[in-house]
PDB file of all heavy atoms in Angstrom:
ATOM      1  N   MET A   1     144.881  65.232 164.394  1.00  0.00           N
ATOM      2  CA  MET A   1     145.088  63.859 163.925  1.00  0.00           C
ATOM      3  C   MET A   1     143.794  63.084 163.752  1.00  0.00           C
ATOM      4  O   MET A   1     143.795  61.986 163.212  1.00  0.00           O
ATOM      5  CB  MET A   1     146.013  63.115 164.909  1.00  0.00           C
ATOM      6  CG  MET A   1     147.441  63.638 164.912  1.00  0.00           C
ATOM      7  SD  MET A   1     148.445  62.863 166.190  1.00  0.00           S
ATOM      8  CE  MET A   1     148.533  61.180 165.559  1.00  0.00           C
ATOM      9  N   GLU A   2     142.680  63.634 164.211  1.00  0.00           N
ATOM     10  CA  GLU A   2     141.405  62.945 164.068  1.00  0.00           C
ATOM     11  C   GLU A   2     141.030  62.792 162.595  1.00  0.00           C
ATOM     12  O   GLU A   2     141.350  63.660 161.776  1.00  0.00           O
ATOM     13  CB  GLU A   2     140.286  63.734 164.765  1.00  0.00           C
ATOM     14  CG  GLU A   2     140.321  63.650 166.270  1.00  0.00           C
ATOM     15  CD  GLU A   2     139.209  64.456 166.916  1.00  0.00           C
ATOM     16  OE1 GLU A   2     138.636  65.348 166.220  1.00  0.00           O
ATOM     17  OE2 GLU A   2     138.923  64.235 168.089  1.00  0.00           O
ATOM     18  N   PRO A   3     140.349  61.681 162.243  1.00  0.00           N
ATOM     19  CA  PRO A   3     139.913  61.533 160.853  1.00  0.00           C
ATOM     20  C   PRO A   3     138.934  62.637 160.464  1.00  0.00           C
ATOM     21  O   PRO A   3     138.180  63.131 161.306  1.00  0.00           O
ATOM     22  CB  PRO A   3     139.233  60.160 160.833  1.00  0.00           C
ATOM     23  CG  PRO A   3     138.890  59.875 162.262  1.00  0.00           C
ATOM     24  CD  PRO A   3     139.923  60.542 163.086  1.00  0.00           C
ATOM     25  N   LYS A   4     138.968  63.026 159.217  1.00  0.00           N
ATOM     26  CA  LYS A   4     138.072  64.081 158.708  1.00  0.00           C
ATOM     27  C   LYS A   4     136.984  63.425 157.846  1.00  0.00           C
ATOM     28  O   LYS A   4     137.256  62.513 157.072  1.00  0.00           O
ATOM     29  CB  LYS A   4     138.858  65.095 157.880  1.00  0.00           C
ATOM     30  CG  LYS A   4     140.044  65.730 158.604  1.00  0.00           C
ATOM     31  CD  LYS A   4     139.599  66.562 159.803  1.00  0.00           C
ATOM     32  CE  LYS A   4     140.760  67.308 160.430  1.00  0.00           C
ATOM     33  NZ  LYS A   4     141.726  66.411 161.118  1.00  0.00           N
ATOM     34  N   PRO A   5     135.765  63.888 157.966  1.00  0.00           N
ATOM     35  CA  PRO A   5     134.679  63.291 157.169  1.00  0.00           C
ATOM     36  C   PRO A   5     134.831  63.639 155.684  1.00  0.00           C
ATOM     37  O   PRO A   5     135.261  64.737 155.353  1.00  0.00           O
ATOM     38  CB  PRO A   5     133.412  63.916 157.763  1.00  0.00           C
ATOM     39  CG  PRO A   5     133.865  65.197 158.370  1.00  0.00           C
ATOM     40  CD  PRO A   5     135.261  64.963 158.852  1.00  0.00           C
ATOM     41  N   PHE A   6     134.488  62.690 154.814  1.00  0.00           N
ATOM     42  CA  PHE A   6     134.464  63.000 153.388  1.00  0.00           C
ATOM     43  C   PHE A   6     133.086  63.511 152.969  1.00  0.00           C
ATOM     44  O   PHE A   6     132.916  64.039 151.875  1.00  0.00           O
ATOM     45  CB  PHE A   6     134.877  61.778 152.549  1.00  0.00           C
ATOM     46  CG  PHE A   6     133.910  60.616 152.588  1.00  0.00           C
ATOM     47  CD1 PHE A   6     132.754  60.613 151.820  1.00  0.00           C
ATOM     48  CD2 PHE A   6     134.173  59.504 153.380  1.00  0.00           C
ATOM     49  CE1 PHE A   6     131.864  59.538 151.846  1.00  0.00           C
ATOM     50  CE2 PHE A   6     133.301  58.431 153.403  1.00  0.00           C
ATOM     51  CZ  PHE A   6     132.147  58.443 152.646  1.00  0.00           C
ATOM     52  N   ASN A   7     132.114  63.354 153.884  1.00  0.00           N
ATOM     53  CA  ASN A   7     130.763  63.822 153.601  1.00  0.00           C
ATOM     54  C   ASN A   7     130.060  64.078 154.924  1.00  0.00           C
ATOM     55  O   ASN A   7     130.190  63.283 155.869  1.00  0.00           O
ATOM     56  CB  ASN A   7     129.989  62.772 152.796  1.00  0.00           C
ATOM     57  CG  ASN A   7     128.571  63.219 152.467  1.00  0.00           C
ATOM     58  OD1 ASN A   7     128.313  64.408 152.250  1.00  0.00           O
ATOM     59  ND2 ASN A   7     127.639  62.281 152.428  1.00  0.00           N
ATOM     60  N   SER A   8     129.359  65.191 155.017  1.00  0.00           N
ATOM     61  CA  SER A   8     128.574  65.456 156.232  1.00  0.00           C
ATOM     62  C   SER A   8     127.423  66.380 155.873  1.00  0.00           C
ATOM     63  O   SER A   8     127.430  67.030 154.823  1.00  0.00           O
ATOM     64  CB  SER A   8     129.453  66.113 157.306  1.00  0.00           C
ATOM     65  OG  SER A   8     129.927  67.385 156.887  1.00  0.00           O
ATOM     66  N   GLY A   9     126.436  66.423 156.729  1.00  0.00           N
ATOM     67  CA  GLY A   9     125.280  67.275 156.470  1.00  0.00           C
ATOM     68  C   GLY A   9     124.127  66.908 157.385  1.00  0.00           C
ATOM     69  O   GLY A   9     124.340  66.368 158.473  1.00  0.00           O
ATOM     70  N   PHE A  10     122.909  67.168 156.913  1.00  0.00           N
ATOM     71  CA  PHE A  10     121.723  66.921 157.712  1.00  0.00           C
ATOM     72  C   PHE A  10     120.699  66.147 156.880  1.00  0.00           C
ATOM     73  O   PHE A  10     120.553  66.388 155.682  1.00  0.00           O
ATOM     74  CB  PHE A  10     121.103  68.227 158.188  1.00  0.00           C
ATOM     75  CG  PHE A  10     121.938  68.977 159.191  1.00  0.00           C
ATOM     76  CD1 PHE A  10     122.933  69.842 158.765  1.00  0.00           C
ATOM     77  CD2 PHE A  10     121.738  68.790 160.544  1.00  0.00           C
ATOM     78  CE1 PHE A  10     123.705  70.538 159.689  1.00  0.00           C
ATOM     79  CE2 PHE A  10     122.505  69.481 161.472  1.00  0.00           C
ATOM     80  CZ  PHE A  10     123.496  70.348 161.056  1.00  0.00           C
ATOM     81  N   LEU A  11     119.997  65.239 157.526  1.00  0.00           N
ATOM     82  CA  LEU A  11     118.871  64.585 156.890  1.00  0.00           C
ATOM     83  C   LEU A  11     117.747  65.599 156.679  1.00  0.00           C
ATOM     84  O   LEU A  11     117.661  66.591 157.425  1.00  0.00           O
ATOM     85  CB  LEU A  11     118.356  63.438 157.757  1.00  0.00           C
ATOM     86  CG  LEU A  11     119.159  62.140 157.772  1.00  0.00           C
ATOM     87  CD1 LEU A  11     118.544  61.153 158.769  1.00  0.00           C
ATOM     88  CD2 LEU A  11     119.211  61.515 156.391  1.00  0.00           C
ATOM     89  N   PRO A  12     116.883  65.372 155.709  1.00  0.00           N
ATOM     90  CA  PRO A  12     115.715  66.242 155.586  1.00  0.00           C
ATOM     91  C   PRO A  12     114.945  66.300 156.896  1.00  0.00           C
ATOM     92  O   PRO A  12     114.803  65.280 157.591  1.00  0.00           O
ATOM     93  CB  PRO A  12     114.892  65.553 154.482  1.00  0.00           C
ATOM     94  CG  PRO A  12     115.904  64.800 153.674  1.00  0.00           C
ATOM     95  CD  PRO A  12     116.930  64.339 154.659  1.00  0.00           C
ATOM     96  N   VAL A  13     114.464  67.476 157.259  1.00  0.00           N
ATOM     97  CA  VAL A  13     113.781  67.660 158.537  1.00  0.00           C
ATOM     98  C   VAL A  13     112.552  66.755 158.633  1.00  0.00           C
ATOM     99  O   VAL A  13     111.773  66.631 157.681  1.00  0.00           O
ATOM    100  CB  VAL A  13     113.346  69.132 158.712  1.00  0.00           C
ATOM    101  CG1 VAL A  13     112.528  69.308 159.994  1.00  0.00           C
ATOM    102  CG2 VAL A  13     114.569  70.040 158.739  1.00  0.00           C
ATOM    103  N   LYS A  14     112.428  66.096 159.787  1.00  0.00           N
ATOM    104  CA  LYS A  14     111.252  65.264 160.051  1.00  0.00           C
ATOM    105  C   LYS A  14     110.834  65.482 161.503  1.00  0.00           C
ATOM    106  O   LYS A  14     111.677  65.481 162.405  1.00  0.00           O
ATOM    107  CB  LYS A  14     111.542  63.778 159.809  1.00  0.00           C
ATOM    108  CG  LYS A  14     110.309  62.893 159.977  1.00  0.00           C
ATOM    109  CD  LYS A  14     110.597  61.440 159.662  1.00  0.00           C
ATOM    110  CE  LYS A  14     109.326  60.615 159.838  1.00  0.00           C
ATOM    111  NZ  LYS A  14     109.578  59.168 159.577  1.00  0.00           N
ATOM    112  N   ASP A  15     109.553  65.676 161.740  1.00  0.00           N
ATOM    113  CA  ASP A  15     109.016  65.886 163.100  1.00  0.00           C
ATOM    114  C   ASP A  15     109.684  67.077 163.786  1.00  0.00           C
ATOM    115  O   ASP A  15     109.803  67.104 165.018  1.00  0.00           O
ATOM    116  CB  ASP A  15     109.209  64.630 163.971  1.00  0.00           C
ATOM    117  CG  ASP A  15     108.568  63.390 163.371  1.00  0.00           C
ATOM    118  OD1 ASP A  15     107.510  63.530 162.732  1.00  0.00           O
ATOM    119  OD2 ASP A  15     109.132  62.298 163.541  1.00  0.00           O
ATOM    120  N   GLY A  16     110.149  68.034 163.006  1.00  0.00           N
ATOM    121  CA  GLY A  16     110.815  69.192 163.589  1.00  0.00           C
ATOM    122  C   GLY A  16     112.267  68.963 163.957  1.00  0.00           C
ATOM    123  O   GLY A  16     112.907  69.841 164.539  1.00  0.00           O
ATOM    124  N   HIS A  17     112.826  67.795 163.602  1.00  0.00           N
ATOM    125  CA  HIS A  17     114.213  67.465 163.913  1.00  0.00           C
ATOM    126  C   HIS A  17     115.073  67.446 162.647  1.00  0.00           C
ATOM    127  O   HIS A  17     114.672  66.890 161.618  1.00  0.00           O
ATOM    128  CB  HIS A  17     114.300  66.079 164.573  1.00  0.00           C
ATOM    129  CG  HIS A  17     113.800  66.046 165.964  1.00  0.00           C
ATOM    130  ND1 HIS A  17     114.609  66.311 167.056  1.00  0.00           N
ATOM    131  CD2 HIS A  17     112.564  65.783 166.473  1.00  0.00           C
ATOM    132  CE1 HIS A  17     113.895  66.207 168.168  1.00  0.00           C
ATOM    133  NE2 HIS A  17     112.648  65.876 167.849  1.00  0.00           N
ATOM    134  N   SER A  18     116.249  68.051 162.753  1.00  0.00           N
ATOM    135  CA  SER A  18     117.247  68.024 161.682  1.00  0.00           C
ATOM    136  C   SER A  18     118.442  67.223 162.197  1.00  0.00           C
ATOM    137  O   SER A  18     119.160  67.673 163.092  1.00  0.00           O
ATOM    138  CB  SER A  18     117.665  69.460 161.327  1.00  0.00           C
ATOM    139  OG  SER A  18     118.558  69.462 160.241  1.00  0.00           O
ATOM    140  N   VAL A  19     118.634  66.038 161.651  1.00  0.00           N
ATOM    141  CA  VAL A  19     119.622  65.080 162.175  1.00  0.00           C
ATOM    142  C   VAL A  19     120.938  65.197 161.423  1.00  0.00           C
ATOM    143  O   VAL A  19     120.978  65.046 160.195  1.00  0.00           O
ATOM    144  CB  VAL A  19     119.065  63.644 162.080  1.00  0.00           C
ATOM    145  CG1 VAL A  19     120.139  62.617 162.467  1.00  0.00           C
ATOM    146  CG2 VAL A  19     117.841  63.493 162.986  1.00  0.00           C
ATOM    147  N   TYR A  20     122.001  65.455 162.173  1.00  0.00           N
ATOM    148  CA  TYR A  20     123.347  65.590 161.604  1.00  0.00           C
ATOM    149  C   TYR A  20     123.967  64.217 161.353  1.00  0.00           C
ATOM    150  O   TYR A  20     123.802  63.283 162.140  1.00  0.00           O
ATOM    151  CB  TYR A  20     124.248  66.371 162.558  1.00  0.00           C
ATOM    152  CG  TYR A  20     125.703  66.425 162.122  1.00  0.00           C
ATOM    153  CD1 TYR A  20     126.155  67.371 161.220  1.00  0.00           C
ATOM    154  CD2 TYR A  20     126.625  65.505 162.639  1.00  0.00           C
ATOM    155  CE1 TYR A  20     127.491  67.402 160.817  1.00  0.00           C
ATOM    156  CE2 TYR A  20     127.956  65.533 162.242  1.00  0.00           C
ATOM    157  CZ  TYR A  20     128.382  66.478 161.344  1.00  0.00           C
ATOM    158  OH  TYR A  20     129.704  66.504 160.931  1.00  0.00           O
ATOM    159  N   PHE A  21     124.703  64.100 160.230  1.00  0.00           N
ATOM    160  CA  PHE A  21     125.437  62.862 159.950  1.00  0.00           C
ATOM    161  C   PHE A  21     126.807  63.194 159.392  1.00  0.00           C
ATOM    162  O   PHE A  21     127.076  64.309 158.907  1.00  0.00           O
ATOM    163  CB  PHE A  21     124.662  61.979 158.948  1.00  0.00           C
ATOM    164  CG  PHE A  21     124.629  62.532 157.548  1.00  0.00           C
ATOM    165  CD1 PHE A  21     125.648  62.266 156.635  1.00  0.00           C
ATOM    166  CD2 PHE A  21     123.576  63.358 157.131  1.00  0.00           C
ATOM    167  CE1 PHE A  21     125.627  62.787 155.359  1.00  0.00           C
ATOM    168  CE2 PHE A  21     123.554  63.894 155.850  1.00  0.00           C
ATOM    169  CZ  PHE A  21     124.578  63.607 154.956  1.00  0.00           C
ATOM    170  N   ALA A  22     127.715  62.226 159.459  1.00  0.00           N
ATOM    171  CA  ALA A  22     129.058  62.384 158.888  1.00  0.00           C
ATOM    172  C   ALA A  22     129.562  61.011 158.445  1.00  0.00           C
ATOM    173  O   ALA A  22     129.242  59.992 159.080  1.00  0.00           O
ATOM    174  CB  ALA A  22     130.022  62.988 159.893  1.00  0.00           C
ATOM    175  N   GLU A  23     130.323  60.999 157.350  1.00  0.00           N
ATOM    176  CA  GLU A  23     130.897  59.753 156.833  1.00  0.00           C
ATOM    177  C   GLU A  23     132.413  59.852 156.803  1.00  0.00           C
ATOM    178  O   GLU A  23     132.966  60.885 156.396  1.00  0.00           O
ATOM    179  CB  GLU A  23     130.390  59.470 155.423  1.00  0.00           C
ATOM    180  CG  GLU A  23     128.896  59.255 155.301  1.00  0.00           C
ATOM    181  CD  GLU A  23     128.518  58.795 153.902  1.00  0.00           C
ATOM    182  OE1 GLU A  23     128.596  57.596 153.618  1.00  0.00           O
ATOM    183  OE2 GLU A  23     128.192  59.677 153.080  1.00  0.00           O
ATOM    184  N   TYR A  24     133.063  58.779 157.198  1.00  0.00           N
ATOM    185  CA  TYR A  24     134.521  58.733 157.260  1.00  0.00           C
ATOM    186  C   TYR A  24     135.033  57.526 156.480  1.00  0.00           C
ATOM    187  O   TYR A  24     134.354  56.523 156.336  1.00  0.00           O
ATOM    188  CB  TYR A  24     134.986  58.611 158.716  1.00  0.00           C
ATOM    189  CG  TYR A  24     134.571  59.761 159.594  1.00  0.00           C
ATOM    190  CD1 TYR A  24     133.298  59.812 160.156  1.00  0.00           C
ATOM    191  CD2 TYR A  24     135.444  60.806 159.861  1.00  0.00           C
ATOM    192  CE1 TYR A  24     132.894  60.867 160.971  1.00  0.00           C
ATOM    193  CE2 TYR A  24     135.067  61.879 160.669  1.00  0.00           C
ATOM    194  CZ  TYR A  24     133.796  61.897 161.220  1.00  0.00           C
ATOM    195  OH  TYR A  24     133.419  62.948 162.010  1.00  0.00           O
ATOM    196  N   GLY A  25     136.263  57.669 156.000  1.00  0.00           N
ATOM    197  CA  GLY A  25     136.910  56.525 155.354  1.00  0.00           C
ATOM    198  C   GLY A  25     136.753  56.493 153.853  1.00  0.00           C
ATOM    199  O   GLY A  25     136.812  57.523 153.174  1.00  0.00           O
ATOM    200  N   ASN A  26     136.492  55.297 153.342  1.00  0.00           N
ATOM    201  CA  ASN A  26     136.423  55.045 151.897  1.00  0.00           C
ATOM    202  C   ASN A  26     134.973  55.125 151.410  1.00  0.00           C
ATOM    203  O   ASN A  26     134.147  54.315 151.810  1.00  0.00           O
ATOM    204  CB  ASN A  26     137.003  53.656 151.620  1.00  0.00           C
ATOM    205  CG  ASN A  26     137.046  53.332 150.135  1.00  0.00           C
ATOM    206  OD1 ASN A  26     136.485  54.025 149.305  1.00  0.00           O
ATOM    207  ND2 ASN A  26     137.730  52.249 149.795  1.00  0.00           N
ATOM    208  N   PRO A  27     134.643  56.087 150.539  1.00  0.00           N
ATOM    209  CA  PRO A  27     133.267  56.219 150.045  1.00  0.00           C
ATOM    210  C   PRO A  27     132.744  54.963 149.371  1.00  0.00           C
ATOM    211  O   PRO A  27     131.531  54.744 149.308  1.00  0.00           O
ATOM    212  CB  PRO A  27     133.358  57.374 149.038  1.00  0.00           C
ATOM    213  CG  PRO A  27     134.581  58.129 149.431  1.00  0.00           C
ATOM    214  CD  PRO A  27     135.548  57.117 149.971  1.00  0.00           C
ATOM    215  N   LEU A  28     133.661  54.128 148.846  1.00  0.00           N
ATOM    216  CA  LEU A  28     133.261  52.902 148.177  1.00  0.00           C
ATOM    217  C   LEU A  28     133.440  51.680 149.075  1.00  0.00           C
ATOM    218  O   LEU A  28     133.255  50.538 148.641  1.00  0.00           O
ATOM    219  CB  LEU A  28     134.072  52.709 146.900  1.00  0.00           C
ATOM    220  CG  LEU A  28     133.967  53.845 145.857  1.00  0.00           C
ATOM    221  CD1 LEU A  28     134.866  53.569 144.670  1.00  0.00           C
ATOM    222  CD2 LEU A  28     132.514  54.018 145.410  1.00  0.00           C
ATOM    223  N   GLY A  29     133.797  51.897 150.315  1.00  0.00           N
ATOM    224  CA  GLY A  29     134.074  50.795 151.229  1.00  0.00           C
ATOM    225  C   GLY A  29     132.823  50.140 151.783  1.00  0.00           C
ATOM    226  O   GLY A  29     131.692  50.612 151.599  1.00  0.00           O
ATOM    227  N   GLU A  30     133.044  49.044 152.489  1.00  0.00           N
ATOM    228  CA  GLU A  30     131.944  48.325 153.128  1.00  0.00           C
ATOM    229  C   GLU A  30     131.368  49.202 154.225  1.00  0.00           C
ATOM    230  O   GLU A  30     132.102  49.742 155.058  1.00  0.00           O
ATOM    231  CB  GLU A  30     132.478  47.016 153.700  1.00  0.00           C
ATOM    232  CG  GLU A  30     131.394  46.038 154.069  1.00  0.00           C
ATOM    233  CD  GLU A  30     131.940  44.658 154.416  1.00  0.00           C
ATOM    234  OE1 GLU A  30     133.161  44.450 154.259  1.00  0.00           O
ATOM    235  OE2 GLU A  30     131.143  43.815 154.846  1.00  0.00           O
TER     236      GLU A  30
END
């Protein structure tokens, strides 16, 4: 029942770190 991301991935590597992100909800929303 958990919301599913409409977009997820990693930011370009910086300082040896790859940062994960995810977006939920309305892509055109506030």
